[in-house]
């Protein structure tokens, strides 16, 4: 059993790679590479940048914004189900 820090939720490896790997890092599988590329662009749009900034930006600067934005971010859900790969 894997223990997670705080409120960290288990994510598929593709999301971890997309978030933490340097862009352009080669992966051994073309489908994995395509999925990481797709997720990386997804993380740069919509509500993801706000969520990531809320958890990573310096706290003193973000305190009030995080306080009033917490209810919306708490309700934010996204699917980690892989989209079908084109043949």
PDB file of N, CA and C in Angstrom:
ATOM      1  N   UNK A   1       0.846  -1.182   0.000  1.00  0.00           N
ATOM      2  CA  UNK A   1       0.000   0.000   0.000  1.00  0.00           C
ATOM      3  C   UNK A   1       0.891   1.246   0.000  1.00  0.00           C
ATOM      4  N   UNK A   2       0.578   2.169  -0.882  1.00  0.00           N
ATOM      5  CA  UNK A   2       1.341   3.406  -1.002  1.00  0.00           C
ATOM      6  C   UNK A   2       0.703   4.466  -0.114  1.00  0.00           C
ATOM      7  N   UNK A   3       1.499   5.100   0.728  1.00  0.00           N
ATOM      8  CA  UNK A   3       0.999   6.195   1.563  1.00  0.00           C
ATOM      9  C   UNK A   3       1.260   7.500   0.847  1.00  0.00           C
ATOM     10  N   UNK A   4       0.283   8.378   0.862  1.00  0.00           N
ATOM     11  CA  UNK A   4       0.382   9.656   0.169  1.00  0.00           C
ATOM     12  C   UNK A   4       0.424  10.789   1.184  1.00  0.00           C
ATOM     13  N   UNK A   5       1.122  11.835   0.826  1.00  0.00           N
ATOM     14  CA  UNK A   5       1.263  12.996   1.693  1.00  0.00           C
ATOM     15  C   UNK A   5      -0.008  13.832   1.641  1.00  0.00           C
ATOM     16  N   UNK A   6      -0.507  14.255   2.788  1.00  0.00           N
ATOM     17  CA  UNK A   6      -1.641  15.175   2.857  1.00  0.00           C
ATOM     18  C   UNK A   6      -2.824  14.711   2.056  1.00  0.00           C
ATOM     19  N   UNK A   7      -3.280  15.577   1.155  1.00  0.00           N
ATOM     20  CA  UNK A   7      -4.456  15.284   0.352  1.00  0.00           C
ATOM     21  C   UNK A   7      -4.102  14.762  -1.030  1.00  0.00           C
ATOM     22  N   UNK A   8      -2.870  14.364  -1.231  1.00  0.00           N
ATOM     23  CA  UNK A   8      -2.455  13.873  -2.543  1.00  0.00           C
ATOM     24  C   UNK A   8      -3.271  12.649  -2.923  1.00  0.00           C
ATOM     25  N   UNK A   9      -3.775  12.661  -4.123  1.00  0.00           N
ATOM     26  CA  UNK A   9      -4.585  11.550  -4.616  1.00  0.00           C
ATOM     27  C   UNK A   9      -3.747  10.701  -5.564  1.00  0.00           C
ATOM     28  N   UNK A  10      -4.047   9.417  -5.623  1.00  0.00           N
ATOM     29  CA  UNK A  10      -3.310   8.578  -6.566  1.00  0.00           C
ATOM     30  C   UNK A  10      -3.656   8.967  -8.002  1.00  0.00           C
ATOM     31  N   UNK A  11      -2.656   9.127  -8.826  1.00  0.00           N
ATOM     32  CA  UNK A  11      -2.837   9.468 -10.232  1.00  0.00           C
ATOM     33  C   UNK A  11      -2.120   8.445 -11.097  1.00  0.00           C
ATOM     34  N   UNK A  12      -2.628   8.217 -12.288  1.00  0.00           N
ATOM     35  CA  UNK A  12      -1.897   7.343 -13.211  1.00  0.00           C
ATOM     36  C   UNK A  12      -0.511   7.929 -13.503  1.00  0.00           C
ATOM     37  N   UNK A  13       0.413   7.078 -13.815  1.00  0.00           N
ATOM     38  CA  UNK A  13       1.795   7.503 -14.071  1.00  0.00           C
ATOM     39  C   UNK A  13       1.869   8.562 -15.164  1.00  0.00           C
ATOM     40  N   UNK A  14       0.983   8.501 -16.153  1.00  0.00           N
ATOM     41  CA  UNK A  14       1.005   9.465 -17.246  1.00  0.00           C
ATOM     42  C   UNK A  14       0.853  10.895 -16.735  1.00  0.00           C
ATOM     43  N   UNK A  15       0.021  11.101 -15.710  1.00  0.00           N
ATOM     44  CA  UNK A  15      -0.175  12.438 -15.144  1.00  0.00           C
ATOM     45  C   UNK A  15       1.075  12.896 -14.395  1.00  0.00           C
ATOM     46  N   UNK A  16       1.707  11.988 -13.699  1.00  0.00           N
ATOM     47  CA  UNK A  16       2.934  12.324 -12.977  1.00  0.00           C
ATOM     48  C   UNK A  16       4.037  12.675 -13.975  1.00  0.00           C
ATOM     49  N   UNK A  17       4.175  11.888 -15.034  1.00  0.00           N
ATOM     50  CA  UNK A  17       5.173  12.179 -16.067  1.00  0.00           C
ATOM     51  C   UNK A  17       4.898  13.536 -16.708  1.00  0.00           C
ATOM     52  N   UNK A  18       3.634  13.785 -17.063  1.00  0.00           N
ATOM     53  CA  UNK A  18       3.274  15.044 -17.731  1.00  0.00           C
ATOM     54  C   UNK A  18       3.573  16.244 -16.844  1.00  0.00           C
ATOM     55  N   UNK A  19       3.384  16.092 -15.565  1.00  0.00           N
ATOM     56  CA  UNK A  19       3.575  17.214 -14.643  1.00  0.00           C
ATOM     57  C   UNK A  19       5.040  17.448 -14.288  1.00  0.00           C
ATOM     58  N   UNK A  20       5.801  16.382 -14.116  1.00  0.00           N
ATOM     59  CA  UNK A  20       7.152  16.536 -13.574  1.00  0.00           C
ATOM     60  C   UNK A  20       8.299  16.332 -14.557  1.00  0.00           C
ATOM     61  N   UNK A  21       8.062  15.634 -15.647  1.00  0.00           N
ATOM     62  CA  UNK A  21       9.149  15.408 -16.602  1.00  0.00           C
ATOM     63  C   UNK A  21       9.370  16.636 -17.470  1.00  0.00           C
ATOM     64  N   UNK A  22      10.596  16.855 -17.842  1.00  0.00           N
ATOM     65  CA  UNK A  22      10.909  17.966 -18.744  1.00  0.00           C
ATOM     66  C   UNK A  22      10.291  17.695 -20.108  1.00  0.00           C
ATOM     67  N   UNK A  23       9.677  18.722 -20.717  1.00  0.00           N
ATOM     68  CA  UNK A  23       9.130  18.528 -22.067  1.00  0.00           C
ATOM     69  C   UNK A  23      10.218  18.031 -23.014  1.00  0.00           C
ATOM     70  N   UNK A  24       9.843  17.105 -23.874  1.00  0.00           N
ATOM     71  CA  UNK A  24      10.794  16.562 -24.828  1.00  0.00           C
ATOM     72  C   UNK A  24      11.540  15.339 -24.330  1.00  0.00           C
ATOM     73  N   UNK A  25      11.340  14.984 -23.061  1.00  0.00           N
ATOM     74  CA  UNK A  25      11.990  13.784 -22.542  1.00  0.00           C
ATOM     75  C   UNK A  25      11.413  12.571 -23.273  1.00  0.00           C
ATOM     76  N   UNK A  26      12.246  11.772 -23.913  1.00  0.00           N
ATOM     77  CA  UNK A  26      11.708  10.630 -24.657  1.00  0.00           C
ATOM     78  C   UNK A  26      11.216   9.528 -23.722  1.00  0.00           C
ATOM     79  N   UNK A  27      10.116   8.929 -24.116  1.00  0.00           N
ATOM     80  CA  UNK A  27       9.573   7.792 -23.377  1.00  0.00           C
ATOM     81  C   UNK A  27       9.670   6.556 -24.268  1.00  0.00           C
ATOM     82  N   UNK A  28       9.738   5.370 -23.678  1.00  0.00           N
ATOM     83  CA  UNK A  28       9.984   4.167 -24.468  1.00  0.00           C
ATOM     84  C   UNK A  28       8.813   3.713 -25.344  1.00  0.00           C
ATOM     85  N   UNK A  29       7.628   4.246 -25.118  1.00  0.00           N
ATOM     86  CA  UNK A  29       6.447   3.792 -25.825  1.00  0.00           C
ATOM     87  C   UNK A  29       5.740   4.977 -26.493  1.00  0.00           C
ATOM     88  N   UNK A  30       5.404   4.839 -27.774  1.00  0.00           N
ATOM     89  CA  UNK A  30       4.766   5.940 -28.508  1.00  0.00           C
ATOM     90  C   UNK A  30       3.405   6.318 -27.933  1.00  0.00           C
ATOM     91  N   UNK A  31       2.633   5.326 -27.508  1.00  0.00           N
ATOM     92  CA  UNK A  31       1.314   5.624 -26.931  1.00  0.00           C
ATOM     93  C   UNK A  31       1.460   6.385 -25.611  1.00  0.00           C
ATOM     94  N   UNK A  32       2.407   5.966 -24.797  1.00  0.00           N
ATOM     95  CA  UNK A  32       2.668   6.673 -23.546  1.00  0.00           C
ATOM     96  C   UNK A  32       3.113   8.098 -23.831  1.00  0.00           C
ATOM     97  N   UNK A  33       3.993   8.269 -24.816  1.00  0.00           N
ATOM     98  CA  UNK A  33       4.465   9.603 -25.192  1.00  0.00           C
ATOM     99  C   UNK A  33       3.294  10.477 -25.634  1.00  0.00           C
ATOM    100  N   UNK A  34       2.397   9.928 -26.438  1.00  0.00           N
ATOM    101  CA  UNK A  34       1.236  10.683 -26.917  1.00  0.00           C
ATOM    102  C   UNK A  34       0.312  11.053 -25.760  1.00  0.00           C
ATOM    103  N   UNK A  35       0.116  10.135 -24.840  1.00  0.00           N
ATOM    104  CA  UNK A  35      -0.765  10.406 -23.696  1.00  0.00           C
ATOM    105  C   UNK A  35      -0.161  11.476 -22.786  1.00  0.00           C
ATOM    106  N   UNK A  36       1.132  11.412 -22.547  1.00  0.00           N
ATOM    107  CA  UNK A  36       1.810  12.416 -21.726  1.00  0.00           C
ATOM    108  C   UNK A  36       1.717  13.787 -22.389  1.00  0.00           C
ATOM    109  N   UNK A  37       1.892  13.834 -23.698  1.00  0.00           N
ATOM    110  CA  UNK A  37       1.783  15.096 -24.431  1.00  0.00           C
ATOM    111  C   UNK A  37       0.367  15.653 -24.325  1.00  0.00           C
ATOM    112  N   UNK A  38      -0.642  14.806 -24.476  1.00  0.00           N
ATOM    113  CA  UNK A  38      -2.039  15.230 -24.355  1.00  0.00           C
ATOM    114  C   UNK A  38      -2.330  15.779 -22.962  1.00  0.00           C
ATOM    115  N   UNK A  39      -1.892  15.058 -21.938  1.00  0.00           N
ATOM    116  CA  UNK A  39      -2.147  15.475 -20.556  1.00  0.00           C
ATOM    117  C   UNK A  39      -1.406  16.766 -20.243  1.00  0.00           C
ATOM    118  N   UNK A  40      -0.188  16.901 -20.743  1.00  0.00           N
ATOM    119  CA  UNK A  40       0.583  18.127 -20.500  1.00  0.00           C
ATOM    120  C   UNK A  40      -0.180  19.339 -21.037  1.00  0.00           C
ATOM    121  N   UNK A  41      -0.767  19.233 -22.217  1.00  0.00           N
ATOM    122  CA  UNK A  41      -1.533  20.366 -22.756  1.00  0.00           C
ATOM    123  C   UNK A  41      -2.818  20.574 -21.963  1.00  0.00           C
ATOM    124  N   UNK A  42      -3.410  19.495 -21.470  1.00  0.00           N
ATOM    125  CA  UNK A  42      -4.607  19.603 -20.621  1.00  0.00           C
ATOM    126  C   UNK A  42      -4.288  20.334 -19.311  1.00  0.00           C
ATOM    127  N   UNK A  43      -3.130  20.047 -18.732  1.00  0.00           N
ATOM    128  CA  UNK A  43      -2.746  20.683 -17.474  1.00  0.00           C
ATOM    129  C   UNK A  43      -2.459  22.179 -17.632  1.00  0.00           C
ATOM    130  N   UNK A  44      -2.252  22.621 -18.859  1.00  0.00           N
ATOM    131  CA  UNK A  44      -1.957  24.035 -19.114  1.00  0.00           C
ATOM    132  C   UNK A  44      -3.209  24.857 -19.403  1.00  0.00           C
ATOM    133  N   UNK A  45      -4.383  24.220 -19.410  1.00  0.00           N
ATOM    134  CA  UNK A  45      -5.612  24.928 -19.758  1.00  0.00           C
ATOM    135  C   UNK A  45      -6.695  24.727 -18.701  1.00  0.00           C
ATOM    136  N   UNK A  46      -7.807  25.428 -18.895  1.00  0.00           N
ATOM    137  CA  UNK A  46      -8.959  25.247 -18.022  1.00  0.00           C
ATOM    138  C   UNK A  46      -8.659  25.600 -16.574  1.00  0.00           C
ATOM    139  N   UNK A  47      -9.121  24.761 -15.666  1.00  0.00           N
ATOM    140  CA  UNK A  47      -8.976  25.021 -14.231  1.00  0.00           C
ATOM    141  C   UNK A  47      -7.669  24.475 -13.646  1.00  0.00           C
ATOM    142  N   UNK A  48      -6.944  23.694 -14.425  1.00  0.00           N
ATOM    143  CA  UNK A  48      -5.708  23.109 -13.910  1.00  0.00           C
ATOM    144  C   UNK A  48      -4.656  24.131 -13.493  1.00  0.00           C
ATOM    145  N   UNK A  49      -4.363  25.153 -14.306  1.00  0.00           N
ATOM    146  CA  UNK A  49      -3.332  26.114 -13.879  1.00  0.00           C
ATOM    147  C   UNK A  49      -3.667  26.765 -12.532  1.00  0.00           C
ATOM    148  N   UNK A  50      -4.940  27.084 -12.314  1.00  0.00           N
ATOM    149  CA  UNK A  50      -5.355  27.681 -11.041  1.00  0.00           C
ATOM    150  C   UNK A  50      -5.112  26.712  -9.881  1.00  0.00           C
ATOM    151  N   UNK A  51      -5.484  25.459 -10.085  1.00  0.00           N
ATOM    152  CA  UNK A  51      -5.289  24.456  -9.038  1.00  0.00           C
ATOM    153  C   UNK A  51      -3.808  24.250  -8.736  1.00  0.00           C
ATOM    154  N   UNK A  52      -3.007  24.114  -9.772  1.00  0.00           N
ATOM    155  CA  UNK A  52      -1.570  23.899  -9.568  1.00  0.00           C
ATOM    156  C   UNK A  52      -0.916  25.110  -8.917  1.00  0.00           C
ATOM    157  N   UNK A  53      -1.318  26.309  -9.341  1.00  0.00           N
ATOM    158  CA  UNK A  53      -0.770  27.525  -8.742  1.00  0.00           C
ATOM    159  C   UNK A  53      -1.177  27.644  -7.272  1.00  0.00           C
ATOM    160  N   UNK A  54      -2.399  27.245  -6.962  1.00  0.00           N
ATOM    161  CA  UNK A  54      -2.879  27.312  -5.580  1.00  0.00           C
ATOM    162  C   UNK A  54      -2.066  26.424  -4.645  1.00  0.00           C
ATOM    163  N   UNK A  55      -1.532  25.345  -5.188  1.00  0.00           N
ATOM    164  CA  UNK A  55      -0.773  24.421  -4.343  1.00  0.00           C
ATOM    165  C   UNK A  55       0.728  24.612  -4.422  1.00  0.00           C
ATOM    166  N   UNK A  56       1.201  25.438  -5.370  1.00  0.00           N
ATOM    167  CA  UNK A  56       2.645  25.562  -5.558  1.00  0.00           C
ATOM    168  C   UNK A  56       3.192  26.971  -5.415  1.00  0.00           C
ATOM    169  N   UNK A  57       2.352  27.974  -5.586  1.00  0.00           N
ATOM    170  CA  UNK A  57       2.824  29.354  -5.498  1.00  0.00           C
ATOM    171  C   UNK A  57       3.160  29.689  -4.041  1.00  0.00           C
ATOM    172  N   UNK A  58       4.025  30.679  -3.824  1.00  0.00           N
ATOM    173  CA  UNK A  58       4.371  31.056  -2.448  1.00  0.00           C
ATOM    174  C   UNK A  58       3.122  31.390  -1.629  1.00  0.00           C
ATOM    175  N   UNK A  59       3.033  30.837  -0.440  1.00  0.00           N
ATOM    176  CA  UNK A  59       1.844  30.957   0.405  1.00  0.00           C
ATOM    177  C   UNK A  59       1.474  32.384   0.779  1.00  0.00           C
ATOM    178  N   UNK A  60       2.383  33.254   1.245  1.00  0.00           N
ATOM    179  CA  UNK A  60       1.954  34.593   1.661  1.00  0.00           C
ATOM    180  C   UNK A  60       1.218  35.344   0.548  1.00  0.00           C
ATOM    181  N   UNK A  61       1.681  35.217  -0.651  1.00  0.00           N
ATOM    182  CA  UNK A  61       1.056  35.904  -1.780  1.00  0.00           C
ATOM    183  C   UNK A  61      -0.311  35.312  -2.107  1.00  0.00           C
ATOM    184  N   UNK A  62      -0.519  34.043  -1.868  1.00  0.00           N
ATOM    185  CA  UNK A  62      -1.719  33.342  -2.277  1.00  0.00           C
ATOM    186  C   UNK A  62      -2.731  33.123  -1.158  1.00  0.00           C
ATOM    187  N   UNK A  63      -2.431  33.511   0.062  1.00  0.00           N
ATOM    188  CA  UNK A  63      -3.277  33.139   1.187  1.00  0.00           C
ATOM    189  C   UNK A  63      -4.749  33.485   0.973  1.00  0.00           C
ATOM    190  N   UNK A  64      -5.058  34.751   0.727  1.00  0.00           N
ATOM    191  CA  UNK A  64      -6.462  35.160   0.600  1.00  0.00           C
ATOM    192  C   UNK A  64      -7.114  34.509  -0.614  1.00  0.00           C
ATOM    193  N   UNK A  65      -6.434  34.490  -1.732  1.00  0.00           N
ATOM    194  CA  UNK A  65      -6.971  33.885  -2.943  1.00  0.00           C
ATOM    195  C   UNK A  65      -7.272  32.400  -2.708  1.00  0.00           C
ATOM    196  N   UNK A  66      -6.397  31.717  -2.012  1.00  0.00           N
ATOM    197  CA  UNK A  66      -6.633  30.303  -1.713  1.00  0.00           C
ATOM    198  C   UNK A  66      -7.790  30.127  -0.741  1.00  0.00           C
ATOM    199  N   UNK A  67      -7.904  31.021   0.211  1.00  0.00           N
ATOM    200  CA  UNK A  67      -8.978  30.915   1.190  1.00  0.00           C
ATOM    201  C   UNK A  67     -10.346  31.037   0.521  1.00  0.00           C
ATOM    202  N   UNK A  68     -10.530  32.052  -0.311  1.00  0.00           N
ATOM    203  CA  UNK A  68     -11.833  32.244  -0.947  1.00  0.00           C
ATOM    204  C   UNK A  68     -12.044  31.284  -2.117  1.00  0.00           C
ATOM    205  N   UNK A  69     -10.982  30.758  -2.708  1.00  0.00           N
ATOM    206  CA  UNK A  69     -11.122  29.843  -3.834  1.00  0.00           C
ATOM    207  C   UNK A  69     -11.175  28.379  -3.453  1.00  0.00           C
ATOM    208  N   UNK A  70     -10.975  28.080  -2.179  1.00  0.00           N
ATOM    209  CA  UNK A  70     -10.920  26.682  -1.742  1.00  0.00           C
ATOM    210  C   UNK A  70     -12.192  25.892  -2.048  1.00  0.00           C
ATOM    211  N   UNK A  71     -13.387  26.441  -1.817  1.00  0.00           N
ATOM    212  CA  UNK A  71     -14.586  25.631  -2.108  1.00  0.00           C
ATOM    213  C   UNK A  71     -14.664  25.184  -3.571  1.00  0.00           C
ATOM    214  N   UNK A  72     -14.367  26.075  -4.496  1.00  0.00           N
ATOM    215  CA  UNK A  72     -14.426  25.706  -5.909  1.00  0.00           C
ATOM    216  C   UNK A  72     -13.359  24.676  -6.251  1.00  0.00           C
ATOM    217  N   UNK A  73     -12.157  24.854  -5.705  1.00  0.00           N
ATOM    218  CA  UNK A  73     -11.084  23.907  -6.004  1.00  0.00           C
ATOM    219  C   UNK A  73     -11.342  22.553  -5.350  1.00  0.00           C
ATOM    220  N   UNK A  74     -11.988  22.548  -4.200  1.00  0.00           N
ATOM    221  CA  UNK A  74     -12.299  21.294  -3.528  1.00  0.00           C
ATOM    222  C   UNK A  74     -13.282  20.469  -4.353  1.00  0.00           C
ATOM    223  N   UNK A  75     -14.157  21.137  -5.062  1.00  0.00           N
ATOM    224  CA  UNK A  75     -15.162  20.446  -5.869  1.00  0.00           C
ATOM    225  C   UNK A  75     -14.658  20.080  -7.263  1.00  0.00           C
ATOM    226  N   UNK A  76     -13.447  20.506  -7.624  1.00  0.00           N
ATOM    227  CA  UNK A  76     -12.909  20.246  -8.962  1.00  0.00           C
ATOM    228  C   UNK A  76     -12.607  18.762  -9.117  1.00  0.00           C
ATOM    229  N   UNK A  77     -13.183  18.150 -10.129  1.00  0.00           N
ATOM    230  CA  UNK A  77     -12.947  16.735 -10.425  1.00  0.00           C
ATOM    231  C   UNK A  77     -12.575  16.611 -11.894  1.00  0.00           C
ATOM    232  N   UNK A  78     -11.759  15.636 -12.209  1.00  0.00           N
ATOM    233  CA  UNK A  78     -11.423  15.356 -13.603  1.00  0.00           C
ATOM    234  C   UNK A  78     -11.209  13.870 -13.763  1.00  0.00           C
ATOM    235  N   UNK A  79     -11.469  13.397 -14.945  1.00  0.00           N
ATOM    236  CA  UNK A  79     -11.342  11.982 -15.230  1.00  0.00           C
ATOM    237  C   UNK A  79      -9.893  11.646 -15.565  1.00  0.00           C
ATOM    238  N   UNK A  80      -9.426  10.536 -15.054  1.00  0.00           N
ATOM    239  CA  UNK A  80      -8.087  10.071 -15.410  1.00  0.00           C
ATOM    240  C   UNK A  80      -8.174   8.887 -16.364  1.00  0.00           C
ATOM    241  N   UNK A  81      -9.391   8.639 -16.875  1.00  0.00           N
ATOM    242  CA  UNK A  81      -9.569   7.556 -17.832  1.00  0.00           C
ATOM    243  C   UNK A  81      -8.957   7.974 -19.151  1.00  0.00           C
ATOM    244  N   UNK A  82      -8.182   7.110 -19.721  1.00  0.00           N
ATOM    245  CA  UNK A  82      -7.497   7.401 -20.972  1.00  0.00           C
ATOM    246  C   UNK A  82      -8.494   7.506 -22.113  1.00  0.00           C
ATOM    247  N   UNK A  83      -8.270   8.493 -22.962  1.00  0.00           N
ATOM    248  CA  UNK A  83      -9.057   8.625 -24.178  1.00  0.00           C
ATOM    249  C   UNK A  83      -8.608   7.540 -25.146  1.00  0.00           C
ATOM    250  N   UNK A  84      -9.504   7.053 -25.980  1.00  0.00           N
ATOM    251  CA  UNK A  84      -9.078   6.022 -26.937  1.00  0.00           C
ATOM    252  C   UNK A  84      -8.001   6.571 -27.882  1.00  0.00           C
ATOM    253  N   UNK A  85      -6.998   5.767 -28.128  1.00  0.00           N
ATOM    254  CA  UNK A  85      -5.910   6.179 -29.021  1.00  0.00           C
ATOM    255  C   UNK A  85      -6.345   5.955 -30.459  1.00  0.00           C
ATOM    256  N   UNK A  86      -6.053   6.917 -31.326  1.00  0.00           N
ATOM    257  CA  UNK A  86      -6.386   6.700 -32.735  1.00  0.00           C
ATOM    258  C   UNK A  86      -5.546   5.565 -33.301  1.00  0.00           C
ATOM    259  N   UNK A  87      -6.141   4.813 -34.176  1.00  0.00           N
ATOM    260  CA  UNK A  87      -5.442   3.664 -34.771  1.00  0.00           C
ATOM    261  C   UNK A  87      -4.488   4.087 -35.844  1.00  0.00           C
TER     262      UNK A  87
END
